Amino acid sequence: MTKIIKPTTELKFKRVIDKNTFYLYDRDFEERYEGYISSIKETLLVLRNRISTEGLKKELFVELLKNKENGLRALLALTGISNEYLKRLITLIRVIDDEELNNLTLKDQWQPDAENNDGGGLSEWSDAKIANLIKTNENFARGIVNLFFEGSTVPILTQAIPLFELKKLSVEKLEFKIESLVDTLIRYKEKGSYSGKGERNPEVLIKKILEELEIPFVSGDLERLVGVLDEEKRTMDFIIPDQNNPLVIIESSYVVTTSSGQGDKAKTEINVARIIKKYYPKALFLGFVDGIGWYVRKNDLKRMVGAYDDVFTFHKDELNRFRELISTIFNKR
């Protein structure tokens, strides 16, 4: 058996420096993906030429979705809407019963949504299912096109969708107007920064209310659980006024996607509630539970809210109700 000589640390270090590729580069993959990018670009250029000669018509976009393999991807690229966000919008349409939105998207002529009838919630449609519906159900394709043309005018969407995303549902983008294309580029570039802003964290709204009322709070572990229930305890979002003698404990769960993990989260909160009742019987355990992810997982939602003494959403009315409750508890009126 040949003895393998292990290289020295210096030699291994030198090898990584000398033979560094800097960036992963697979020529075959790059060429295949360039073909995909070129296909979308050419599809959009043909669409732009047709719009310039025939005018802006919904029918052109229905044809795009139904007849072009990458038609939906091209439409998303033109408007700057991500594939994931489109799926969120479709889920929103499926679960909200709004007459104007239903009529605009031709929702009643989509396939029956059996998942939505059992009270247990529904799962998000996959890319494959959406692509198949576009090809096989013209009313679904027309509904998606209508959404891109007129979605920003529907009150229920203007209330539910952040302005950063709502601006992408613009007719000007579909007309290939330069200002609108520049807007798309900027939103693509700033999406990560926008998503990471602390102000977009819904917990900031709770923090603002507590600070305005001058109520002290901390986050972290509850003192009596440290070293006793280390495996079961969890970091609390808000402990009022302190970890030693809390009067109010708040947990926040804002979910915009649906997953089986929500059932596990509900179990965890039920267990946390049991521990709090045992070690802090005088503390009020409040939950902020919101987002379409909970809206469509109703069985998990019922179990989740059962863990709390009271539950709030981030709706303006609910934030005011939370403010009134906290004001009453701490005599801040």
C-alpha atoms as a PDB file:
ATOM      1  CA  MET A   1       0.000   0.000   0.000  1.00  0.00           C
ATOM      2  CA  THR A   2       1.437   3.322  -1.069  1.00  0.00           C
ATOM      3  CA  LYS A   3       2.006   5.698   1.786  1.00  0.00           C
ATOM      4  CA  ILE A   4       0.258   9.041   1.291  1.00  0.00           C
ATOM      5  CA  ILE A   5       2.357  12.023   2.261  1.00  0.00           C
ATOM      6  CA  LYS A   6       0.231  14.736   3.790  1.00  0.00           C
ATOM      7  CA  PRO A   7       1.136  18.246   2.635  1.00  0.00           C
ATOM      8  CA  THR A   8       2.183  20.882   5.131  1.00  0.00           C
ATOM      9  CA  THR A   9      -0.081  23.728   6.134  1.00  0.00           C
ATOM     10  CA  GLU A  10       2.117  26.156   4.189  1.00  0.00           C
ATOM     11  CA  LEU A  11       1.833  24.036   1.054  1.00  0.00           C
ATOM     12  CA  LYS A  12      -1.970  23.778   1.371  1.00  0.00           C
ATOM     13  CA  PHE A  13      -2.162  27.525   1.950  1.00  0.00           C
ATOM     14  CA  LYS A  14       0.003  28.223  -1.124  1.00  0.00           C
ATOM     15  CA  ARG A  15      -2.072  25.865  -3.267  1.00  0.00           C
ATOM     16  CA  VAL A  16      -5.327  27.670  -2.478  1.00  0.00           C
ATOM     17  CA  ILE A  17      -3.708  31.036  -3.203  1.00  0.00           C
ATOM     18  CA  ASP A  18      -1.932  29.987  -6.409  1.00  0.00           C
ATOM     19  CA  LYS A  19      -4.784  27.930  -7.865  1.00  0.00           C
ATOM     20  CA  ASN A  20      -7.670  30.141  -6.791  1.00  0.00           C
ATOM     21  CA  THR A  21     -10.358  30.429  -9.491  1.00  0.00           C
ATOM     22  CA  PHE A  22     -11.798  33.583  -7.860  1.00  0.00           C
ATOM     23  CA  TYR A  23     -15.331  32.834  -9.108  1.00  0.00           C
ATOM     24  CA  LEU A  24     -16.944  29.525  -9.953  1.00  0.00           C
ATOM     25  CA  TYR A  25     -17.106  29.222 -13.722  1.00  0.00           C
ATOM     26  CA  ASP A  26     -18.654  26.326 -15.630  1.00  0.00           C
ATOM     27  CA  ARG A  27     -18.568  27.171 -19.335  1.00  0.00           C
ATOM     28  CA  ASP A  28     -21.295  24.701 -20.320  1.00  0.00           C
ATOM     29  CA  PHE A  29     -23.670  26.015 -17.671  1.00  0.00           C
ATOM     30  CA  GLU A  30     -22.873  29.644 -18.510  1.00  0.00           C
ATOM     31  CA  GLU A  31     -23.594  29.091 -22.184  1.00  0.00           C
ATOM     32  CA  ARG A  32     -26.874  27.310 -21.437  1.00  0.00           C
ATOM     33  CA  TYR A  33     -27.977  30.109 -19.107  1.00  0.00           C
ATOM     34  CA  GLU A  34     -26.961  32.782 -21.611  1.00  0.00           C
ATOM     35  CA  GLY A  35     -29.291  31.055 -24.066  1.00  0.00           C
ATOM     36  CA  TYR A  36     -32.103  31.344 -21.510  1.00  0.00           C
ATOM     37  CA  ILE A  37     -31.371  35.060 -20.928  1.00  0.00           C
ATOM     38  CA  SER A  38     -31.195  35.710 -24.659  1.00  0.00           C
ATOM     39  CA  SER A  39     -34.537  33.978 -25.153  1.00  0.00           C
ATOM     40  CA  ILE A  40     -36.228  36.263 -22.612  1.00  0.00           C
ATOM     41  CA  LYS A  41     -34.555  39.341 -24.112  1.00  0.00           C
ATOM     42  CA  GLU A  42     -35.617  38.461 -27.649  1.00  0.00           C
ATOM     43  CA  THR A  43     -39.144  37.693 -26.461  1.00  0.00           C
ATOM     44  CA  LEU A  44     -39.385  41.151 -24.891  1.00  0.00           C
ATOM     45  CA  LEU A  45     -37.924  42.878 -27.956  1.00  0.00           C
ATOM     46  CA  VAL A  46     -40.504  41.204 -30.201  1.00  0.00           C
ATOM     47  CA  LEU A  47     -43.247  42.184 -27.748  1.00  0.00           C
ATOM     48  CA  ARG A  48     -42.033  45.795 -27.711  1.00  0.00           C
ATOM     49  CA  ASN A  49     -42.096  45.941 -31.516  1.00  0.00           C
ATOM     50  CA  ARG A  50     -45.618  44.537 -31.617  1.00  0.00           C
ATOM     51  CA  ILE A  51     -46.795  47.091 -29.048  1.00  0.00           C
ATOM     52  CA  SER A  52     -45.218  49.929 -31.031  1.00  0.00           C
ATOM     53  CA  THR A  53     -47.054  48.876 -34.222  1.00  0.00           C
ATOM     54  CA  GLU A  54     -50.320  47.449 -32.830  1.00  0.00           C
ATOM     55  CA  GLY A  55     -50.687  49.457 -29.631  1.00  0.00           C
ATOM     56  CA  LEU A  56     -50.868  48.264 -26.041  1.00  0.00           C
ATOM     57  CA  LYS A  57     -53.373  45.406 -25.911  1.00  0.00           C
ATOM     58  CA  LYS A  58     -54.057  42.829 -23.247  1.00  0.00           C
ATOM     59  CA  GLU A  59     -54.347  40.189 -25.970  1.00  0.00           C
ATOM     60  CA  LEU A  60     -50.650  40.555 -26.766  1.00  0.00           C
ATOM     61  CA  PHE A  61     -49.765  39.616 -23.193  1.00  0.00           C
ATOM     62  CA  VAL A  62     -52.219  36.715 -23.102  1.00  0.00           C
ATOM     63  CA  GLU A  63     -50.500  35.373 -26.230  1.00  0.00           C
ATOM     64  CA  LEU A  64     -47.128  35.950 -24.564  1.00  0.00           C
ATOM     65  CA  LEU A  65     -48.090  33.862 -21.533  1.00  0.00           C
ATOM     66  CA  LYS A  66     -49.803  31.074 -23.437  1.00  0.00           C
ATOM     67  CA  ASN A  67     -47.547  30.709 -26.478  1.00  0.00           C
ATOM     68  CA  LYS A  68     -44.032  31.488 -25.265  1.00  0.00           C
ATOM     69  CA  GLU A  69     -42.147  29.017 -23.088  1.00  0.00           C
ATOM     70  CA  ASN A  70     -40.601  31.814 -21.030  1.00  0.00           C
ATOM     71  CA  GLY A  71     -43.506  34.221 -21.464  1.00  0.00           C
ATOM     72  CA  LEU A  72     -44.275  34.563 -17.762  1.00  0.00           C
ATOM     73  CA  ARG A  73     -40.575  35.020 -16.927  1.00  0.00           C
ATOM     74  CA  ALA A  74     -40.376  37.750 -19.557  1.00  0.00           C
ATOM     75  CA  LEU A  75     -43.396  39.556 -18.100  1.00  0.00           C
ATOM     76  CA  LEU A  76     -41.889  39.354 -14.601  1.00  0.00           C
ATOM     77  CA  ALA A  77     -38.567  40.693 -15.869  1.00  0.00           C
ATOM     78  CA  LEU A  78     -40.305  43.602 -17.596  1.00  0.00           C
ATOM     79  CA  THR A  79     -42.197  44.636 -14.468  1.00  0.00           C
ATOM     80  CA  GLY A  80     -39.603  43.712 -11.842  1.00  0.00           C
ATOM     81  CA  ILE A  81     -41.955  41.405  -9.946  1.00  0.00           C
ATOM     82  CA  SER A  82     -40.182  38.353  -8.555  1.00  0.00           C
ATOM     83  CA  ASN A  83     -41.503  34.861  -9.151  1.00  0.00           C
ATOM     84  CA  GLU A  84     -41.967  34.403  -5.396  1.00  0.00           C
ATOM     85  CA  TYR A  85     -43.955  37.626  -5.072  1.00  0.00           C
ATOM     86  CA  LEU A  86     -46.246  36.599  -7.920  1.00  0.00           C
ATOM     87  CA  LYS A  87     -46.995  33.393  -6.029  1.00  0.00           C
ATOM     88  CA  ARG A  88     -47.831  35.490  -2.927  1.00  0.00           C
ATOM     89  CA  LEU A  89     -50.234  37.563  -5.051  1.00  0.00           C
ATOM     90  CA  ILE A  90     -51.916  34.455  -6.444  1.00  0.00           C
ATOM     91  CA  THR A  91     -52.306  33.090  -2.914  1.00  0.00           C
ATOM     92  CA  LEU A  92     -53.794  36.415  -1.829  1.00  0.00           C
ATOM     93  CA  ILE A  93     -56.327  36.295  -4.663  1.00  0.00           C
ATOM     94  CA  ARG A  94     -57.261  32.716  -3.774  1.00  0.00           C
ATOM     95  CA  VAL A  95     -57.997  33.440  -0.119  1.00  0.00           C
ATOM     96  CA  ILE A  96     -59.548  36.920  -0.229  1.00  0.00           C
ATOM     97  CA  ASP A  97     -63.156  37.196  -1.350  1.00  0.00           C
ATOM     98  CA  ASP A  98     -63.286  40.682  -2.856  1.00  0.00           C
ATOM     99  CA  GLU A  99     -65.780  41.288  -5.653  1.00  0.00           C
ATOM    100  CA  GLU A 100     -63.675  43.766  -7.624  1.00  0.00           C
ATOM    101  CA  LEU A 101     -60.541  41.641  -7.362  1.00  0.00           C
ATOM    102  CA  ASN A 102     -62.485  38.485  -8.243  1.00  0.00           C
ATOM    103  CA  ASN A 103     -63.954  40.134 -11.340  1.00  0.00           C
ATOM    104  CA  LEU A 104     -60.616  41.571 -12.446  1.00  0.00           C
ATOM    105  CA  THR A 105     -58.751  38.280 -12.185  1.00  0.00           C
ATOM    106  CA  LEU A 106     -61.664  36.098 -13.395  1.00  0.00           C
ATOM    107  CA  LYS A 107     -61.130  34.096 -10.233  1.00  0.00           C
ATOM    108  CA  ASP A 108     -64.478  32.276 -10.479  1.00  0.00           C
ATOM    109  CA  GLN A 109     -63.308  30.750 -13.736  1.00  0.00           C
ATOM    110  CA  TRP A 110     -60.075  29.351 -12.345  1.00  0.00           C
ATOM    111  CA  GLN A 111     -60.078  25.703 -11.351  1.00  0.00           C
ATOM    112  CA  PRO A 112     -62.017  24.901  -8.125  1.00  0.00           C
ATOM    113  CA  ASP A 113     -59.751  25.382  -5.111  1.00  0.00           C
ATOM    114  CA  ALA A 114     -60.743  22.329  -3.066  1.00  0.00           C
ATOM    115  CA  GLU A 115     -58.026  23.029  -0.513  1.00  0.00           C
ATOM    116  CA  ASN A 116     -59.756  26.232   0.464  1.00  0.00           C
ATOM    117  CA  ASN A 117     -63.037  24.570   1.401  1.00  0.00           C
ATOM    118  CA  ASP A 118     -62.072  22.376   4.330  1.00  0.00           C
ATOM    119  CA  GLY A 119     -61.268  25.143   6.786  1.00  0.00           C
ATOM    120  CA  GLY A 120     -57.739  23.863   7.238  1.00  0.00           C
ATOM    121  CA  GLY A 121     -56.099  26.289   4.887  1.00  0.00           C
ATOM    122  CA  LEU A 122     -54.307  25.776   1.600  1.00  0.00           C
ATOM    123  CA  SER A 123     -50.812  25.459   0.253  1.00  0.00           C
ATOM    124  CA  GLU A 124     -49.113  27.802  -2.160  1.00  0.00           C
ATOM    125  CA  TRP A 125     -49.245  26.774  -5.812  1.00  0.00           C
ATOM    126  CA  SER A 126     -45.973  25.572  -7.287  1.00  0.00           C
ATOM    127  CA  ASP A 127     -44.281  27.082 -10.361  1.00  0.00           C
ATOM    128  CA  ALA A 128     -45.271  23.998 -12.337  1.00  0.00           C
ATOM    129  CA  LYS A 129     -48.943  24.311 -11.379  1.00  0.00           C
ATOM    130  CA  ILE A 130     -49.064  28.005 -12.273  1.00  0.00           C
ATOM    131  CA  ALA A 131     -47.354  27.336 -15.620  1.00  0.00           C
ATOM    132  CA  ASN A 132     -49.785  24.501 -16.359  1.00  0.00           C
ATOM    133  CA  LEU A 133     -52.825  26.643 -15.515  1.00  0.00           C
ATOM    134  CA  ILE A 134     -51.581  29.402 -17.799  1.00  0.00           C
ATOM    135  CA  LYS A 135     -51.338  26.933 -20.684  1.00  0.00           C
ATOM    136  CA  THR A 136     -54.596  25.044 -20.031  1.00  0.00           C
ATOM    137  CA  ASN A 137     -56.938  27.699 -18.618  1.00  0.00           C
ATOM    138  CA  GLU A 138     -57.176  30.842 -20.706  1.00  0.00           C
ATOM    139  CA  ASN A 139     -59.240  32.594 -18.052  1.00  0.00           C
ATOM    140  CA  PHE A 140     -56.393  32.136 -15.587  1.00  0.00           C
ATOM    141  CA  ALA A 141     -53.935  33.599 -18.106  1.00  0.00           C
ATOM    142  CA  ARG A 142     -56.278  36.528 -18.771  1.00  0.00           C
ATOM    143  CA  GLY A 143     -56.734  37.068 -15.046  1.00  0.00           C
ATOM    144  CA  ILE A 144     -52.964  37.314 -14.549  1.00  0.00           C
ATOM    145  CA  VAL A 145     -52.707  39.799 -17.424  1.00  0.00           C
ATOM    146  CA  ASN A 146     -55.557  41.865 -15.967  1.00  0.00           C
ATOM    147  CA  LEU A 147     -53.692  41.890 -12.656  1.00  0.00           C
ATOM    148  CA  PHE A 148     -50.613  43.419 -14.306  1.00  0.00           C
ATOM    149  CA  PHE A 149     -52.698  45.977 -16.194  1.00  0.00           C
ATOM    150  CA  GLU A 150     -55.088  47.102 -13.469  1.00  0.00           C
ATOM    151  CA  GLY A 151     -54.006  45.563 -10.168  1.00  0.00           C
ATOM    152  CA  SER A 152     -52.772  48.874  -8.783  1.00  0.00           C
ATOM    153  CA  THR A 153     -56.300  50.325  -9.054  1.00  0.00           C
ATOM    154  CA  VAL A 154     -57.999  47.696  -6.870  1.00  0.00           C
ATOM    155  CA  PRO A 155     -58.543  49.041  -3.313  1.00  0.00           C
ATOM    156  CA  ILE A 156     -58.009  45.702  -1.569  1.00  0.00           C
ATOM    157  CA  LEU A 157     -54.583  45.379  -3.228  1.00  0.00           C
ATOM    158  CA  THR A 158     -53.571  48.969  -2.525  1.00  0.00           C
ATOM    159  CA  GLN A 159     -54.287  48.266   1.142  1.00  0.00           C
ATOM    160  CA  ALA A 160     -52.558  44.883   1.274  1.00  0.00           C
ATOM    161  CA  ILE A 161     -49.475  45.305  -0.933  1.00  0.00           C
ATOM    162  CA  PRO A 162     -46.508  47.485   0.088  1.00  0.00           C
ATOM    163  CA  LEU A 163     -46.072  50.517  -2.169  1.00  0.00           C
ATOM    164  CA  PHE A 164     -42.621  49.265  -3.194  1.00  0.00           C
ATOM    165  CA  GLU A 165     -44.281  46.232  -4.826  1.00  0.00           C
ATOM    166  CA  LEU A 166     -47.535  47.887  -5.903  1.00  0.00           C
ATOM    167  CA  LYS A 167     -45.601  50.339  -8.103  1.00  0.00           C
ATOM    168  CA  LYS A 168     -44.510  47.380 -10.208  1.00  0.00           C
ATOM    169  CA  LEU A 169     -48.088  46.844 -11.384  1.00  0.00           C
ATOM    170  CA  SER A 170     -47.847  49.756 -13.782  1.00  0.00           C
ATOM    171  CA  VAL A 171     -49.187  50.084 -17.326  1.00  0.00           C
ATOM    172  CA  GLU A 172     -46.173  52.268 -18.124  1.00  0.00           C
ATOM    173  CA  LYS A 173     -43.903  49.281 -17.570  1.00  0.00           C
ATOM    174  CA  LEU A 174     -45.964  47.258 -20.040  1.00  0.00           C
ATOM    175  CA  GLU A 175     -45.547  50.083 -22.582  1.00  0.00           C
ATOM    176  CA  PHE A 176     -41.725  49.856 -22.279  1.00  0.00           C
ATOM    177  CA  LYS A 177     -41.488  53.518 -21.294  1.00  0.00           C
ATOM    178  CA  ILE A 178     -37.896  54.485 -20.482  1.00  0.00           C
ATOM    179  CA  GLU A 179     -38.721  56.085 -17.107  1.00  0.00           C
ATOM    180  CA  SER A 180     -40.584  52.961 -16.103  1.00  0.00           C
ATOM    181  CA  LEU A 181     -37.764  50.637 -17.187  1.00  0.00           C
ATOM    182  CA  VAL A 182     -35.323  52.741 -15.170  1.00  0.00           C
ATOM    183  CA  ASP A 183     -37.689  52.402 -12.213  1.00  0.00           C
ATOM    184  CA  THR A 184     -37.602  48.614 -12.650  1.00  0.00           C
ATOM    185  CA  LEU A 185     -33.790  48.614 -12.667  1.00  0.00           C
ATOM    186  CA  ILE A 186     -33.661  50.680  -9.485  1.00  0.00           C
ATOM    187  CA  ARG A 187     -36.157  48.455  -7.703  1.00  0.00           C
ATOM    188  CA  TYR A 188     -34.206  45.357  -8.738  1.00  0.00           C
ATOM    189  CA  LYS A 189     -31.028  46.922  -7.359  1.00  0.00           C
ATOM    190  CA  GLU A 190     -32.584  48.145  -4.112  1.00  0.00           C
ATOM    191  CA  LYS A 191     -34.781  45.116  -3.372  1.00  0.00           C
ATOM    192  CA  GLY A 192     -32.255  43.562  -0.985  1.00  0.00           C
ATOM    193  CA  SER A 193     -31.671  46.827   0.835  1.00  0.00           C
ATOM    194  CA  TYR A 194     -35.407  47.477   1.057  1.00  0.00           C
ATOM    195  CA  SER A 195     -36.119  44.000   2.423  1.00  0.00           C
ATOM    196  CA  GLY A 196     -33.382  44.322   5.017  1.00  0.00           C
ATOM    197  CA  LYS A 197     -34.475  47.658   6.443  1.00  0.00           C
ATOM    198  CA  GLY A 198     -35.301  47.440  10.124  1.00  0.00           C
ATOM    199  CA  GLU A 199     -38.345  49.624   9.606  1.00  0.00           C
ATOM    200  CA  ARG A 200     -39.968  46.775   7.647  1.00  0.00           C
ATOM    201  CA  ASN A 201     -39.844  44.542  10.704  1.00  0.00           C
ATOM    202  CA  PRO A 202     -43.384  44.584  12.110  1.00  0.00           C
ATOM    203  CA  GLU A 203     -41.963  44.378  15.641  1.00  0.00           C
ATOM    204  CA  VAL A 204     -40.826  47.965  15.150  1.00  0.00           C
ATOM    205  CA  LEU A 205     -44.489  49.003  15.415  1.00  0.00           C
ATOM    206  CA  ILE A 206     -44.748  47.386  18.851  1.00  0.00           C
ATOM    207  CA  LYS A 207     -41.515  49.035  19.914  1.00  0.00           C
ATOM    208  CA  LYS A 208     -42.749  52.465  18.806  1.00  0.00           C
ATOM    209  CA  ILE A 209     -45.924  52.175  20.865  1.00  0.00           C
ATOM    210  CA  LEU A 210     -44.034  51.125  23.993  1.00  0.00           C
ATOM    211  CA  GLU A 211     -41.511  53.928  23.549  1.00  0.00           C
ATOM    212  CA  GLU A 212     -44.236  56.515  22.991  1.00  0.00           C
ATOM    213  CA  LEU A 213     -45.934  55.372  26.195  1.00  0.00           C
ATOM    214  CA  GLU A 214     -42.541  55.446  27.966  1.00  0.00           C
ATOM    215  CA  ILE A 215     -42.936  51.843  29.086  1.00  0.00           C
ATOM    216  CA  PRO A 216     -39.660  50.012  29.754  1.00  0.00           C
ATOM    217  CA  PHE A 217     -39.067  46.688  28.003  1.00  0.00           C
ATOM    218  CA  VAL A 218     -36.306  44.238  27.152  1.00  0.00           C
ATOM    219  CA  SER A 219     -35.971  41.130  25.022  1.00  0.00           C
ATOM    220  CA  GLY A 220     -34.240  37.906  25.932  1.00  0.00           C
ATOM    221  CA  ASP A 221     -34.609  34.986  28.337  1.00  0.00           C
ATOM    222  CA  LEU A 222     -36.898  34.954  31.334  1.00  0.00           C
ATOM    223  CA  GLU A 223     -34.718  34.799  34.448  1.00  0.00           C
ATOM    224  CA  ARG A 224     -36.476  31.965  36.273  1.00  0.00           C
ATOM    225  CA  LEU A 225     -36.073  29.661  33.271  1.00  0.00           C
ATOM    226  CA  VAL A 226     -32.314  30.064  32.814  1.00  0.00           C
ATOM    227  CA  GLY A 227     -30.555  26.940  34.009  1.00  0.00           C
ATOM    228  CA  VAL A 228     -33.891  25.270  34.741  1.00  0.00           C
ATOM    229  CA  LEU A 229     -35.545  24.819  31.368  1.00  0.00           C
ATOM    230  CA  ASP A 230     -32.744  25.726  28.961  1.00  0.00           C
ATOM    231  CA  GLU A 231     -33.961  23.277  26.318  1.00  0.00           C
ATOM    232  CA  GLU A 232     -37.564  24.479  26.424  1.00  0.00           C
ATOM    233  CA  LYS A 233     -37.168  28.205  26.963  1.00  0.00           C
ATOM    234  CA  ARG A 234     -36.878  30.651  24.113  1.00  0.00           C
ATOM    235  CA  THR A 235     -35.914  34.269  23.645  1.00  0.00           C
ATOM    236  CA  MET A 236     -38.930  36.510  24.145  1.00  0.00           C
ATOM    237  CA  ASP A 237     -39.487  39.423  21.760  1.00  0.00           C
ATOM    238  CA  PHE A 238     -40.747  41.845  24.429  1.00  0.00           C
ATOM    239  CA  ILE A 239     -40.628  41.503  28.203  1.00  0.00           C
ATOM    240  CA  ILE A 240     -42.312  44.333  30.110  1.00  0.00           C
ATOM    241  CA  PRO A 241     -40.937  45.877  32.232  1.00  0.00           C
ATOM    242  CA  ASP A 242     -37.986  43.493  32.897  1.00  0.00           C
ATOM    243  CA  GLN A 243     -36.847  39.864  32.927  1.00  0.00           C
ATOM    244  CA  ASN A 244     -37.016  39.485  36.683  1.00  0.00           C
ATOM    245  CA  ASN A 245     -40.626  40.476  37.271  1.00  0.00           C
ATOM    246  CA  PRO A 246     -42.501  40.645  33.923  1.00  0.00           C
ATOM    247  CA  LEU A 247     -46.073  41.894  33.827  1.00  0.00           C
ATOM    248  CA  VAL A 248     -46.484  41.433  30.069  1.00  0.00           C
ATOM    249  CA  ILE A 249     -44.667  39.067  27.706  1.00  0.00           C
ATOM    250  CA  ILE A 250     -45.116  39.517  23.948  1.00  0.00           C
ATOM    251  CA  GLU A 251     -44.277  37.240  21.036  1.00  0.00           C
ATOM    252  CA  SER A 252     -44.556  38.284  17.384  1.00  0.00           C
ATOM    253  CA  SER A 253     -45.097  35.995  14.386  1.00  0.00           C
ATOM    254  CA  TYR A 254     -45.605  37.588  10.979  1.00  0.00           C
ATOM    255  CA  VAL A 255     -45.667  34.934   8.250  1.00  0.00           C
ATOM    256  CA  VAL A 256     -46.016  35.656   4.529  1.00  0.00           C
ATOM    257  CA  THR A 257     -45.452  32.111   3.235  1.00  0.00           C
ATOM    258  CA  THR A 258     -47.194  28.851   4.052  1.00  0.00           C
ATOM    259  CA  SER A 259     -45.349  25.792   5.337  1.00  0.00           C
ATOM    260  CA  SER A 260     -45.734  22.747   7.551  1.00  0.00           C
ATOM    261  CA  GLY A 261     -43.336  24.463   9.963  1.00  0.00           C
ATOM    262  CA  GLN A 262     -46.215  26.635  11.150  1.00  0.00           C
ATOM    263  CA  GLY A 263     -47.659  23.612  12.919  1.00  0.00           C
ATOM    264  CA  ASP A 264     -44.363  23.159  14.770  1.00  0.00           C
ATOM    265  CA  LYS A 265     -44.349  26.844  15.676  1.00  0.00           C
ATOM    266  CA  ALA A 266     -47.852  26.540  17.128  1.00  0.00           C
ATOM    267  CA  LYS A 267     -46.720  23.569  19.249  1.00  0.00           C
ATOM    268  CA  THR A 268     -43.732  25.564  20.490  1.00  0.00           C
ATOM    269  CA  GLU A 269     -45.872  28.526  21.513  1.00  0.00           C
ATOM    270  CA  ILE A 270     -48.315  26.284  23.347  1.00  0.00           C
ATOM    271  CA  ASN A 271     -45.407  24.835  25.321  1.00  0.00           C
ATOM    272  CA  VAL A 272     -43.977  28.306  26.006  1.00  0.00           C
ATOM    273  CA  ALA A 273     -47.398  29.416  27.271  1.00  0.00           C
ATOM    274  CA  ARG A 274     -47.514  26.442  29.647  1.00  0.00           C
ATOM    275  CA  ILE A 275     -44.084  27.325  31.050  1.00  0.00           C
ATOM    276  CA  ILE A 276     -44.990  30.996  31.485  1.00  0.00           C
ATOM    277  CA  LYS A 277     -48.187  30.115  33.333  1.00  0.00           C
ATOM    278  CA  LYS A 278     -46.188  27.901  35.701  1.00  0.00           C
ATOM    279  CA  TYR A 279     -43.258  30.206  36.444  1.00  0.00           C
ATOM    280  CA  TYR A 280     -44.897  33.611  35.869  1.00  0.00           C
ATOM    281  CA  PRO A 281     -48.593  33.090  36.708  1.00  0.00           C
ATOM    282  CA  LYS A 282     -49.267  36.824  37.031  1.00  0.00           C
ATOM    283  CA  ALA A 283     -47.783  37.727  33.640  1.00  0.00           C
ATOM    284  CA  LEU A 284     -50.005  38.430  30.627  1.00  0.00           C
ATOM    285  CA  PHE A 285     -48.851  36.498  27.542  1.00  0.00           C
ATOM    286  CA  LEU A 286     -49.743  38.386  24.344  1.00  0.00           C
ATOM    287  CA  GLY A 287     -49.221  37.405  20.733  1.00  0.00           C
ATOM    288  CA  PHE A 288     -48.992  39.384  17.508  1.00  0.00           C
ATOM    289  CA  VAL A 289     -49.990  36.878  14.839  1.00  0.00           C
ATOM    290  CA  ASP A 290     -50.402  38.201  11.306  1.00  0.00           C
ATOM    291  CA  GLY A 291     -49.615  37.710   7.634  1.00  0.00           C
ATOM    292  CA  ILE A 292     -51.177  35.699   4.837  1.00  0.00           C
ATOM    293  CA  GLY A 293     -49.203  32.657   5.950  1.00  0.00           C
ATOM    294  CA  TRP A 294     -51.393  32.382   9.045  1.00  0.00           C
ATOM    295  CA  TYR A 295     -54.534  33.484   7.199  1.00  0.00           C
ATOM    296  CA  VAL A 296     -54.455  30.415   4.983  1.00  0.00           C
ATOM    297  CA  ARG A 297     -53.337  27.874   7.633  1.00  0.00           C
ATOM    298  CA  LYS A 298     -56.435  28.092   9.762  1.00  0.00           C
ATOM    299  CA  ASN A 299     -55.963  24.876  11.761  1.00  0.00           C
ATOM    300  CA  ASP A 300     -52.441  25.911  12.761  1.00  0.00           C
ATOM    301  CA  LEU A 301     -53.730  29.428  13.442  1.00  0.00           C
ATOM    302  CA  LYS A 302     -56.382  28.163  15.871  1.00  0.00           C
ATOM    303  CA  ARG A 303     -53.742  26.257  17.820  1.00  0.00           C
ATOM    304  CA  MET A 304     -51.355  29.207  17.714  1.00  0.00           C
ATOM    305  CA  VAL A 305     -53.784  31.789  19.097  1.00  0.00           C
ATOM    306  CA  GLY A 306     -54.832  29.354  21.827  1.00  0.00           C
ATOM    307  CA  ALA A 307     -51.416  29.810  23.412  1.00  0.00           C
ATOM    308  CA  TYR A 308     -51.937  33.504  24.208  1.00  0.00           C
ATOM    309  CA  ASP A 309     -54.064  35.406  26.685  1.00  0.00           C
ATOM    310  CA  ASP A 310     -54.920  37.798  23.857  1.00  0.00           C
ATOM    311  CA  VAL A 311     -53.911  38.166  20.223  1.00  0.00           C
ATOM    312  CA  PHE A 312     -53.358  41.205  18.000  1.00  0.00           C
ATOM    313  CA  THR A 313     -52.530  41.819  14.341  1.00  0.00           C
ATOM    314  CA  PHE A 314     -50.636  44.778  12.898  1.00  0.00           C
ATOM    315  CA  HIS A 315     -53.822  46.337  11.538  1.00  0.00           C
ATOM    316  CA  LYS A 316     -54.247  49.970  12.619  1.00  0.00           C
ATOM    317  CA  ASP A 317     -57.327  49.137  14.706  1.00  0.00           C
ATOM    318  CA  GLU A 318     -55.503  46.294  16.437  1.00  0.00           C
ATOM    319  CA  LEU A 319     -52.462  48.440  17.195  1.00  0.00           C
ATOM    320  CA  ASN A 320     -54.788  50.985  18.790  1.00  0.00           C
ATOM    321  CA  ARG A 321     -56.412  48.216  20.843  1.00  0.00           C
ATOM    322  CA  PHE A 322     -52.959  47.076  21.983  1.00  0.00           C
ATOM    323  CA  ARG A 323     -52.072  50.650  22.920  1.00  0.00           C
ATOM    324  CA  GLU A 324     -55.238  50.953  25.012  1.00  0.00           C
ATOM    325  CA  LEU A 325     -54.592  47.660  26.808  1.00  0.00           C
ATOM    326  CA  ILE A 326     -51.001  48.546  27.676  1.00  0.00           C
ATOM    327  CA  SER A 327     -52.048  52.046  28.721  1.00  0.00           C
ATOM    328  CA  THR A 328     -54.620  50.572  31.068  1.00  0.00           C
ATOM    329  CA  ILE A 329     -52.185  48.092  32.601  1.00  0.00           C
ATOM    330  CA  PHE A 330     -49.558  50.745  33.270  1.00  0.00           C
ATOM    331  CA  ASN A 331     -51.933  53.650  34.019  1.00  0.00           C
ATOM    332  CA  LYS A 332     -50.676  55.703  31.082  1.00  0.00           C
ATOM    333  CA  ARG A 333     -53.960  57.418  30.273  1.00  0.00           C
END
